[in-house]
């Protein structure tokens, strides 16, 4: 069968920066739930009260470094319908990236895509998979918005602004772009 059968009609181009390999650096990550549904809990009297899946999400964030030693999460916040993380990816030290995408027995194109995934996508993809697996095992009708938003943090003042935003996100919930009642 020809590889051009869909003539790129259904191909979704990557939103990642083509000039950056995502194998090292600091990132501000936002991951939303599908339709921005409130799965992770609610903000009550200015405090985030986590649901069961919200508590599991917190546990998974705290364990990202155990599963991806090159990824550090110095700050994060779980909101009712999204999470924000600062992710610091240590540049490769010559070791193989522990890819989560199995391409055994698949075509060469899939292997090339897997090899371009980058450490950031590997860590975030594994995190999202863990939450989805938990939801499935606990009969929670949960799903993520496809993909995730990343912002490459370029300097210390920018990192400080992002850290302040994360720290104050719960208090500023009603002014947040992701706010839904």
N, C-alpha and C. Protein backbone atom coordinates (compact mmCIF):
# COMPACT_ATOMS: atom_id res chain seq x y z
N UNK A 1 0.85 -1.19 0.00
CA UNK A 1 0.00 0.00 0.00
C UNK A 1 0.89 1.25 0.00
N UNK A 2 0.51 2.21 -0.73
CA UNK A 2 1.29 3.44 -0.87
C UNK A 2 1.23 4.28 0.41
N UNK A 3 2.37 4.90 0.76
CA UNK A 3 2.43 5.76 1.94
C UNK A 3 1.74 7.11 1.70
N UNK A 4 1.39 7.41 0.45
CA UNK A 4 0.77 8.71 0.16
C UNK A 4 -0.75 8.61 0.04
N UNK A 5 -1.36 7.55 0.61
CA UNK A 5 -2.80 7.32 0.44
C UNK A 5 -3.66 8.45 0.99
N UNK A 6 -3.20 9.15 2.03
CA UNK A 6 -4.00 10.25 2.57
C UNK A 6 -3.46 11.61 2.10
N UNK A 7 -2.36 11.59 1.36
CA UNK A 7 -1.74 12.79 0.80
C UNK A 7 -1.63 13.92 1.83
N UNK A 8 -1.21 13.55 3.06
CA UNK A 8 -1.03 14.48 4.17
C UNK A 8 -2.31 15.20 4.58
N UNK A 9 -3.46 14.72 4.12
CA UNK A 9 -4.74 15.34 4.45
C UNK A 9 -5.03 15.28 5.95
N UNK A 10 -4.67 14.18 6.59
CA UNK A 10 -4.99 13.99 8.01
C UNK A 10 -3.77 14.15 8.91
N UNK A 11 -2.67 14.57 8.35
CA UNK A 11 -1.44 14.74 9.12
C UNK A 11 -1.53 16.02 9.94
N UNK A 12 -1.25 15.92 11.24
CA UNK A 12 -1.24 17.09 12.10
C UNK A 12 0.22 17.47 12.34
N UNK A 13 0.58 18.63 11.89
CA UNK A 13 1.95 19.09 12.06
C UNK A 13 2.26 19.34 13.53
N UNK A 14 3.49 19.13 13.89
CA UNK A 14 3.93 19.36 15.26
C UNK A 14 3.86 20.85 15.60
N UNK A 15 3.50 21.14 16.84
CA UNK A 15 3.51 22.53 17.29
C UNK A 15 4.80 22.85 18.03
N UNK A 16 5.70 21.87 18.15
CA UNK A 16 6.98 22.08 18.82
C UNK A 16 7.89 22.94 17.94
N UNK A 17 8.80 23.66 18.57
CA UNK A 17 9.75 24.51 17.84
C UNK A 17 10.67 23.62 17.01
N UNK A 18 10.67 23.79 15.72
CA UNK A 18 11.46 22.94 14.83
C UNK A 18 12.96 23.15 15.03
N UNK A 19 13.35 24.28 15.58
CA UNK A 19 14.76 24.59 15.78
C UNK A 19 15.29 24.07 17.11
N UNK A 20 14.45 23.40 17.91
CA UNK A 20 14.83 22.96 19.25
C UNK A 20 14.58 21.46 19.37
N UNK A 21 15.49 20.71 20.01
CA UNK A 21 15.33 19.25 20.06
C UNK A 21 14.63 18.73 21.32
N UNK A 22 14.37 19.59 22.30
CA UNK A 22 13.65 19.23 23.52
C UNK A 22 14.36 18.15 24.34
N UNK A 23 15.64 18.00 24.13
CA UNK A 23 16.43 17.05 24.91
C UNK A 23 17.17 17.73 26.05
N UNK A 24 16.99 19.01 26.22
CA UNK A 24 17.60 19.74 27.31
C UNK A 24 16.98 21.13 27.38
N UNK A 25 16.90 21.69 28.59
CA UNK A 25 16.36 23.03 28.73
C UNK A 25 15.30 23.12 29.81
N UNK A 26 14.75 24.31 29.97
CA UNK A 26 13.70 24.57 30.96
C UNK A 26 12.42 24.93 30.21
N UNK A 27 11.31 24.38 30.70
CA UNK A 27 10.04 24.52 30.00
C UNK A 27 8.91 24.83 30.97
N UNK A 28 7.96 25.63 30.50
CA UNK A 28 6.71 25.85 31.20
C UNK A 28 5.67 25.05 30.43
N UNK A 29 5.09 24.07 31.09
CA UNK A 29 4.17 23.13 30.44
C UNK A 29 2.76 23.34 30.98
N UNK A 30 1.79 23.30 30.09
CA UNK A 30 0.37 23.32 30.45
C UNK A 30 -0.29 22.14 29.76
N UNK A 31 -1.02 21.34 30.56
CA UNK A 31 -1.74 20.20 30.03
C UNK A 31 -3.19 20.33 30.49
N UNK A 32 -4.11 20.33 29.56
CA UNK A 32 -5.53 20.51 29.88
C UNK A 32 -6.30 19.20 29.72
N UNK A 33 -7.39 19.11 30.46
CA UNK A 33 -8.31 17.99 30.29
C UNK A 33 -9.17 18.26 29.06
N UNK A 34 -9.72 17.20 28.50
CA UNK A 34 -10.59 17.35 27.34
C UNK A 34 -11.80 18.21 27.73
N UNK A 35 -12.11 19.15 26.88
CA UNK A 35 -13.22 20.07 27.09
C UNK A 35 -13.10 20.85 28.40
N UNK A 36 -11.89 20.90 28.93
CA UNK A 36 -11.60 21.62 30.18
C UNK A 36 -12.54 21.21 31.32
N UNK A 37 -12.84 19.93 31.34
CA UNK A 37 -13.71 19.39 32.38
C UNK A 37 -12.96 19.33 33.71
N UNK A 38 -13.64 19.61 34.79
CA UNK A 38 -13.05 19.63 36.13
C UNK A 38 -12.90 18.21 36.68
N UNK A 39 -11.78 17.58 36.38
CA UNK A 39 -11.51 16.24 36.88
C UNK A 39 -10.67 16.25 38.15
N UNK A 40 -9.80 17.23 38.29
CA UNK A 40 -8.78 17.19 39.34
C UNK A 40 -9.24 17.72 40.69
N UNK A 41 -10.43 18.28 40.76
CA UNK A 41 -10.94 18.82 42.01
C UNK A 41 -11.57 20.18 41.78
N UNK A 42 -11.75 20.91 42.88
CA UNK A 42 -12.36 22.24 42.80
C UNK A 42 -11.63 23.19 43.74
N UNK A 43 -11.73 24.46 43.45
CA UNK A 43 -11.17 25.49 44.32
C UNK A 43 -12.29 25.93 45.27
N UNK A 44 -12.04 25.73 46.55
CA UNK A 44 -13.02 26.06 47.59
C UNK A 44 -12.36 27.01 48.58
N UNK A 45 -12.96 28.19 48.76
CA UNK A 45 -12.41 29.20 49.68
C UNK A 45 -10.93 29.47 49.42
N UNK A 46 -10.57 29.57 48.15
CA UNK A 46 -9.20 29.91 47.78
C UNK A 46 -8.18 28.79 47.89
N UNK A 47 -8.65 27.56 48.11
CA UNK A 47 -7.75 26.40 48.22
C UNK A 47 -8.15 25.35 47.19
N UNK A 48 -7.17 24.71 46.59
CA UNK A 48 -7.45 23.62 45.66
C UNK A 48 -7.71 22.35 46.46
N UNK A 49 -8.90 21.79 46.30
CA UNK A 49 -9.27 20.54 46.96
C UNK A 49 -9.24 19.46 45.88
N UNK A 50 -8.27 18.57 45.98
CA UNK A 50 -8.05 17.56 44.95
C UNK A 50 -9.05 16.42 45.05
N UNK A 51 -9.51 15.97 43.90
CA UNK A 51 -10.32 14.76 43.80
C UNK A 51 -9.37 13.56 43.89
N UNK A 52 -9.89 12.36 43.82
CA UNK A 52 -9.02 11.18 43.84
C UNK A 52 -8.05 11.18 42.66
N UNK A 53 -8.57 11.50 41.47
CA UNK A 53 -7.67 11.54 40.31
C UNK A 53 -6.71 12.72 40.42
N UNK A 54 -7.12 13.80 41.06
CA UNK A 54 -6.23 14.93 41.32
C UNK A 54 -5.10 14.54 42.26
N UNK A 55 -5.43 13.75 43.29
CA UNK A 55 -4.39 13.27 44.22
C UNK A 55 -3.42 12.33 43.50
N UNK A 56 -3.95 11.48 42.64
CA UNK A 56 -3.08 10.59 41.87
C UNK A 56 -2.20 11.39 40.91
N UNK A 57 -2.76 12.44 40.33
CA UNK A 57 -1.99 13.31 39.44
C UNK A 57 -0.83 13.94 40.20
N UNK A 58 -1.08 14.42 41.41
CA UNK A 58 -0.01 14.99 42.23
C UNK A 58 1.08 13.94 42.49
N UNK A 59 0.68 12.74 42.84
CA UNK A 59 1.64 11.66 43.10
C UNK A 59 2.49 11.40 41.85
N UNK A 60 1.84 11.36 40.69
CA UNK A 60 2.57 11.11 39.44
C UNK A 60 3.56 12.23 39.11
N UNK A 61 3.15 13.48 39.35
CA UNK A 61 4.06 14.60 39.11
C UNK A 61 5.28 14.48 40.02
N UNK A 62 5.04 14.16 41.28
CA UNK A 62 6.13 14.03 42.24
C UNK A 62 7.07 12.87 41.91
N UNK A 63 6.58 11.90 41.11
CA UNK A 63 7.40 10.73 40.76
C UNK A 63 7.99 10.79 39.35
N UNK A 64 7.77 11.88 38.63
CA UNK A 64 8.29 11.97 37.26
C UNK A 64 9.79 11.72 37.23
N UNK A 65 10.53 12.30 38.15
CA UNK A 65 11.99 12.15 38.14
C UNK A 65 12.41 10.71 38.39
N UNK A 66 11.64 9.95 39.17
CA UNK A 66 11.97 8.54 39.40
C UNK A 66 11.91 7.74 38.09
N UNK A 67 10.95 8.08 37.24
CA UNK A 67 10.78 7.37 35.98
C UNK A 67 11.60 7.97 34.84
N UNK A 68 11.93 9.24 34.97
CA UNK A 68 12.68 9.98 33.94
C UNK A 68 13.76 10.78 34.65
N UNK A 69 14.89 10.15 34.98
CA UNK A 69 15.92 10.81 35.81
C UNK A 69 16.46 12.12 35.23
N UNK A 70 16.28 12.34 33.96
CA UNK A 70 16.73 13.56 33.30
C UNK A 70 15.73 14.71 33.45
N UNK A 71 14.55 14.45 34.03
CA UNK A 71 13.50 15.46 34.15
C UNK A 71 13.30 15.85 35.61
N UNK A 72 13.36 17.14 35.88
CA UNK A 72 13.12 17.66 37.23
C UNK A 72 11.90 18.58 37.18
N UNK A 73 11.06 18.49 38.21
CA UNK A 73 9.86 19.32 38.30
C UNK A 73 9.99 20.17 39.56
N UNK A 74 10.61 21.35 39.47
CA UNK A 74 10.79 22.15 40.68
C UNK A 74 9.52 22.84 41.18
N UNK A 75 8.54 23.01 40.29
CA UNK A 75 7.31 23.68 40.71
C UNK A 75 6.17 23.25 39.80
N UNK A 76 4.98 23.09 40.41
CA UNK A 76 3.81 22.74 39.64
C UNK A 76 2.57 23.17 40.40
N UNK A 77 1.44 23.19 39.68
CA UNK A 77 0.15 23.43 40.31
C UNK A 77 -0.88 22.59 39.56
N UNK A 78 -1.76 21.99 40.32
CA UNK A 78 -2.88 21.25 39.75
C UNK A 78 -4.12 22.11 39.93
N UNK A 79 -4.77 22.40 38.84
CA UNK A 79 -5.99 23.20 38.83
C UNK A 79 -7.16 22.27 38.51
N UNK A 80 -8.39 22.74 38.61
CA UNK A 80 -9.53 21.85 38.34
C UNK A 80 -9.49 21.15 36.98
N UNK A 81 -9.02 21.87 35.95
CA UNK A 81 -9.08 21.31 34.60
C UNK A 81 -7.75 21.33 33.84
N UNK A 82 -6.67 21.62 34.53
CA UNK A 82 -5.37 21.63 33.88
C UNK A 82 -4.26 21.56 34.92
N UNK A 83 -3.06 21.30 34.44
CA UNK A 83 -1.89 21.35 35.31
C UNK A 83 -0.84 22.24 34.64
N UNK A 84 -0.08 22.93 35.47
CA UNK A 84 1.07 23.70 35.01
C UNK A 84 2.30 23.09 35.68
N UNK A 85 3.35 22.94 34.92
CA UNK A 85 4.60 22.41 35.46
C UNK A 85 5.78 23.22 34.93
N UNK A 86 6.77 23.38 35.75
CA UNK A 86 8.08 23.80 35.25
C UNK A 86 8.87 22.51 35.15
N UNK A 87 9.38 22.23 33.97
CA UNK A 87 10.13 21.00 33.74
C UNK A 87 11.53 21.38 33.28
N UNK A 88 12.52 20.86 33.97
CA UNK A 88 13.91 21.08 33.58
C UNK A 88 14.45 19.75 33.09
N UNK A 89 14.86 19.72 31.83
CA UNK A 89 15.39 18.51 31.21
C UNK A 89 16.91 18.64 31.14
N UNK A 90 17.58 17.68 31.74
CA UNK A 90 19.04 17.65 31.70
C UNK A 90 19.46 17.16 30.32
N UNK A 91 20.39 17.86 29.73
CA UNK A 91 20.86 17.49 28.39
C UNK A 91 21.43 16.08 28.40
N UNK A 92 21.35 15.39 27.27
CA UNK A 92 21.84 14.01 27.19
C UNK A 92 23.31 13.91 27.56
N UNK A 93 23.64 12.81 28.19
CA UNK A 93 25.03 12.58 28.58
C UNK A 93 25.61 11.39 27.82
N UNK A 94 25.06 11.14 26.67
CA UNK A 94 25.54 10.04 25.85
C UNK A 94 24.77 8.75 26.05
N UNK A 95 23.92 8.69 27.06
CA UNK A 95 23.12 7.49 27.28
C UNK A 95 21.89 7.53 26.39
N UNK A 96 21.36 6.37 26.11
CA UNK A 96 20.14 6.29 25.30
C UNK A 96 18.98 6.87 26.07
N UNK A 97 18.10 7.55 25.36
CA UNK A 97 16.87 8.05 25.95
C UNK A 97 15.95 6.85 26.15
N UNK A 98 15.33 6.71 27.34
CA UNK A 98 14.45 5.57 27.57
C UNK A 98 13.09 5.75 26.89
N UNK A 99 13.06 5.57 25.58
CA UNK A 99 11.84 5.81 24.81
C UNK A 99 10.71 4.92 25.29
N UNK A 100 9.54 5.48 25.36
CA UNK A 100 8.35 4.73 25.75
C UNK A 100 7.62 4.20 24.51
N UNK A 101 8.00 4.68 23.35
CA UNK A 101 7.32 4.25 22.13
C UNK A 101 8.00 2.98 21.63
N UNK A 102 7.27 1.89 21.59
CA UNK A 102 7.80 0.64 21.08
C UNK A 102 7.55 0.59 19.59
N UNK A 103 8.62 0.44 18.83
CA UNK A 103 8.46 0.37 17.38
C UNK A 103 8.90 -0.99 16.87
N UNK A 104 9.03 -1.95 17.74
CA UNK A 104 9.43 -3.29 17.34
C UNK A 104 8.44 -3.84 16.33
N UNK A 105 8.96 -4.25 15.19
CA UNK A 105 8.10 -4.83 14.16
C UNK A 105 7.31 -3.80 13.37
N UNK A 106 7.53 -2.52 13.64
CA UNK A 106 6.79 -1.49 12.90
C UNK A 106 7.69 -0.92 11.82
N UNK A 107 7.15 -0.05 11.02
CA UNK A 107 7.92 0.44 9.88
C UNK A 107 8.97 1.47 10.27
N UNK A 108 9.84 1.74 9.33
CA UNK A 108 10.95 2.67 9.53
C UNK A 108 10.48 4.08 9.88
N UNK A 109 9.38 4.52 9.28
CA UNK A 109 8.85 5.86 9.55
C UNK A 109 8.51 6.01 11.01
N UNK A 110 7.87 5.00 11.60
CA UNK A 110 7.51 5.06 13.03
C UNK A 110 8.77 5.12 13.89
N UNK A 111 9.83 4.43 13.52
CA UNK A 111 11.07 4.46 14.28
C UNK A 111 11.68 5.86 14.23
N UNK A 112 11.63 6.49 13.09
CA UNK A 112 12.16 7.85 12.95
C UNK A 112 11.37 8.82 13.83
N UNK A 113 10.04 8.71 13.82
CA UNK A 113 9.21 9.57 14.65
C UNK A 113 9.55 9.36 16.13
N UNK A 114 9.66 8.11 16.55
CA UNK A 114 9.99 7.81 17.95
C UNK A 114 11.33 8.39 18.34
N UNK A 115 12.30 8.31 17.46
CA UNK A 115 13.63 8.82 17.78
C UNK A 115 13.68 10.34 17.86
N UNK A 116 12.71 11.03 17.26
CA UNK A 116 12.66 12.49 17.30
C UNK A 116 11.82 13.00 18.47
N UNK A 117 11.25 12.12 19.23
CA UNK A 117 10.29 12.52 20.26
C UNK A 117 10.89 13.49 21.27
N UNK A 118 12.09 13.28 21.72
CA UNK A 118 12.71 14.18 22.67
C UNK A 118 12.35 13.82 24.11
N UNK A 119 13.24 14.15 25.00
CA UNK A 119 13.06 13.80 26.40
C UNK A 119 11.85 14.47 27.04
N UNK A 120 11.56 15.69 26.66
CA UNK A 120 10.40 16.38 27.23
C UNK A 120 9.12 15.63 26.90
N UNK A 121 8.91 15.30 25.63
CA UNK A 121 7.71 14.58 25.23
C UNK A 121 7.64 13.20 25.86
N UNK A 122 8.77 12.56 26.04
CA UNK A 122 8.79 11.25 26.68
C UNK A 122 8.28 11.36 28.11
N UNK A 123 8.79 12.33 28.86
CA UNK A 123 8.37 12.50 30.26
C UNK A 123 6.90 12.87 30.36
N UNK A 124 6.45 13.82 29.56
CA UNK A 124 5.06 14.28 29.62
C UNK A 124 4.12 13.18 29.10
N UNK A 125 4.51 12.50 28.05
CA UNK A 125 3.69 11.41 27.52
C UNK A 125 3.50 10.29 28.54
N UNK A 126 4.58 9.93 29.24
CA UNK A 126 4.48 8.91 30.28
C UNK A 126 3.58 9.35 31.42
N UNK A 127 3.68 10.62 31.79
CA UNK A 127 2.84 11.18 32.85
C UNK A 127 1.36 11.10 32.44
N UNK A 128 1.04 11.56 31.24
CA UNK A 128 -0.34 11.55 30.77
C UNK A 128 -0.87 10.11 30.68
N UNK A 129 -0.04 9.19 30.23
CA UNK A 129 -0.45 7.78 30.14
C UNK A 129 -0.78 7.22 31.52
N UNK A 130 0.01 7.58 32.52
CA UNK A 130 -0.23 7.08 33.88
C UNK A 130 -1.58 7.53 34.40
N UNK A 131 -1.92 8.80 34.19
CA UNK A 131 -3.21 9.31 34.67
C UNK A 131 -4.35 8.63 33.91
N UNK A 132 -4.21 8.48 32.61
CA UNK A 132 -5.23 7.81 31.81
C UNK A 132 -5.42 6.36 32.25
N UNK A 133 -4.33 5.66 32.51
CA UNK A 133 -4.41 4.27 32.98
C UNK A 133 -5.15 4.21 34.32
N UNK A 134 -4.81 5.11 35.24
CA UNK A 134 -5.48 5.17 36.54
C UNK A 134 -6.98 5.39 36.35
N UNK A 135 -7.33 6.32 35.48
CA UNK A 135 -8.76 6.61 35.23
C UNK A 135 -9.46 5.36 34.69
N UNK A 136 -8.84 4.68 33.73
CA UNK A 136 -9.44 3.48 33.16
C UNK A 136 -9.61 2.39 34.22
N UNK A 137 -8.60 2.20 35.06
CA UNK A 137 -8.66 1.17 36.09
C UNK A 137 -9.71 1.49 37.15
N UNK A 138 -10.05 2.75 37.31
CA UNK A 138 -11.01 3.17 38.33
C UNK A 138 -12.34 3.64 37.74
N UNK A 139 -12.59 3.25 36.50
CA UNK A 139 -13.85 3.56 35.81
C UNK A 139 -14.21 5.05 35.86
N UNK A 140 -13.19 5.90 35.66
CA UNK A 140 -13.39 7.35 35.61
C UNK A 140 -13.41 7.74 34.13
N UNK A 141 -14.45 8.38 33.69
CA UNK A 141 -14.58 8.80 32.30
C UNK A 141 -13.72 10.04 32.08
N UNK A 142 -12.44 9.84 31.92
CA UNK A 142 -11.45 10.91 31.87
C UNK A 142 -10.74 10.90 30.53
N UNK A 143 -10.39 12.07 30.04
CA UNK A 143 -9.45 12.14 28.93
C UNK A 143 -8.77 13.50 28.89
N UNK A 144 -7.60 13.49 28.31
CA UNK A 144 -6.80 14.70 28.14
C UNK A 144 -7.17 15.38 26.84
N UNK A 145 -6.88 16.65 26.78
CA UNK A 145 -6.85 17.37 25.51
C UNK A 145 -5.66 16.77 24.76
N UNK A 146 -5.74 16.60 23.46
CA UNK A 146 -4.56 16.08 22.74
C UNK A 146 -3.37 17.03 22.92
N UNK A 147 -2.20 16.44 22.98
CA UNK A 147 -0.95 17.19 23.08
C UNK A 147 -0.82 17.94 24.41
N UNK A 148 0.10 18.87 24.44
CA UNK A 148 0.31 19.74 25.59
C UNK A 148 0.97 21.00 25.08
N UNK A 149 0.87 22.07 25.86
CA UNK A 149 1.49 23.33 25.46
C UNK A 149 2.83 23.46 26.17
N UNK A 150 3.86 23.80 25.43
CA UNK A 150 5.15 24.06 26.06
C UNK A 150 5.65 25.45 25.69
N UNK A 151 6.36 26.03 26.62
CA UNK A 151 7.01 27.31 26.40
C UNK A 151 8.45 27.13 26.84
N UNK A 152 9.39 27.39 25.96
CA UNK A 152 10.81 27.29 26.29
C UNK A 152 11.17 28.51 27.14
N UNK A 153 11.64 28.26 28.37
CA UNK A 153 12.01 29.35 29.27
C UNK A 153 13.42 29.80 28.90
N UNK A 154 13.55 31.09 28.61
CA UNK A 154 14.81 31.58 28.04
C UNK A 154 15.77 32.22 29.03
N UNK A 155 15.24 32.73 30.16
CA UNK A 155 16.15 33.39 31.10
C UNK A 155 15.56 33.40 32.51
N UNK A 156 16.34 33.86 33.46
CA UNK A 156 15.92 33.86 34.87
C UNK A 156 14.72 34.77 35.14
N UNK A 157 14.67 36.00 34.63
CA UNK A 157 13.47 36.82 34.88
C UNK A 157 12.19 36.14 34.37
N UNK A 158 12.27 35.51 33.22
CA UNK A 158 11.10 34.80 32.69
C UNK A 158 10.72 33.63 33.60
N UNK A 159 11.71 32.88 34.07
CA UNK A 159 11.46 31.77 34.99
C UNK A 159 10.79 32.28 36.26
N UNK A 160 11.24 33.42 36.77
CA UNK A 160 10.65 33.98 37.98
C UNK A 160 9.19 34.39 37.76
N UNK A 161 8.88 34.97 36.60
CA UNK A 161 7.49 35.34 36.28
C UNK A 161 6.60 34.09 36.22
N UNK A 162 7.11 33.04 35.61
CA UNK A 162 6.34 31.81 35.49
C UNK A 162 6.14 31.18 36.87
N UNK A 163 7.19 31.17 37.69
CA UNK A 163 7.08 30.62 39.05
C UNK A 163 6.04 31.39 39.86
N UNK A 164 6.02 32.71 39.74
CA UNK A 164 5.01 33.53 40.43
C UNK A 164 3.61 33.19 39.92
N UNK A 165 3.47 33.02 38.62
CA UNK A 165 2.18 32.67 38.03
C UNK A 165 1.68 31.35 38.60
N UNK A 166 2.54 30.35 38.64
CA UNK A 166 2.16 29.03 39.17
C UNK A 166 1.79 29.15 40.64
N UNK A 167 2.60 29.85 41.40
CA UNK A 167 2.37 30.00 42.84
C UNK A 167 1.03 30.67 43.13
N UNK A 168 0.62 31.61 42.29
CA UNK A 168 -0.61 32.37 42.52
C UNK A 168 -1.79 31.90 41.68
N UNK A 169 -1.64 30.80 40.96
CA UNK A 169 -2.67 30.36 40.03
C UNK A 169 -3.99 30.04 40.73
N UNK A 170 -3.95 29.37 41.86
CA UNK A 170 -5.19 29.04 42.58
C UNK A 170 -5.89 30.32 43.04
N UNK A 171 -5.15 31.25 43.60
CA UNK A 171 -5.74 32.51 44.09
C UNK A 171 -6.35 33.33 42.96
N UNK A 172 -5.79 33.21 41.77
CA UNK A 172 -6.25 33.99 40.62
C UNK A 172 -7.13 33.18 39.67
N UNK A 173 -7.70 32.09 40.14
CA UNK A 173 -8.46 31.17 39.31
C UNK A 173 -9.52 31.85 38.46
N UNK A 174 -10.30 32.75 39.03
CA UNK A 174 -11.41 33.35 38.27
C UNK A 174 -10.91 34.27 37.16
N UNK A 175 -9.64 34.68 37.20
CA UNK A 175 -9.06 35.50 36.15
C UNK A 175 -8.24 34.67 35.17
N UNK A 176 -8.15 33.36 35.41
CA UNK A 176 -7.33 32.46 34.60
C UNK A 176 -7.96 32.21 33.23
N UNK A 177 -7.15 32.11 32.20
CA UNK A 177 -7.67 31.85 30.84
C UNK A 177 -8.34 30.48 30.74
N UNK A 178 -8.03 29.57 31.65
CA UNK A 178 -8.62 28.24 31.64
C UNK A 178 -9.82 28.12 32.59
N UNK A 179 -10.22 29.22 33.17
CA UNK A 179 -11.33 29.21 34.14
C UNK A 179 -12.64 28.81 33.46
N UNK A 180 -13.28 27.85 34.09
CA UNK A 180 -14.66 27.50 33.73
C UNK A 180 -15.39 27.24 35.03
N UNK A 181 -16.57 27.80 35.19
CA UNK A 181 -17.29 27.59 36.46
C UNK A 181 -17.78 26.16 36.62
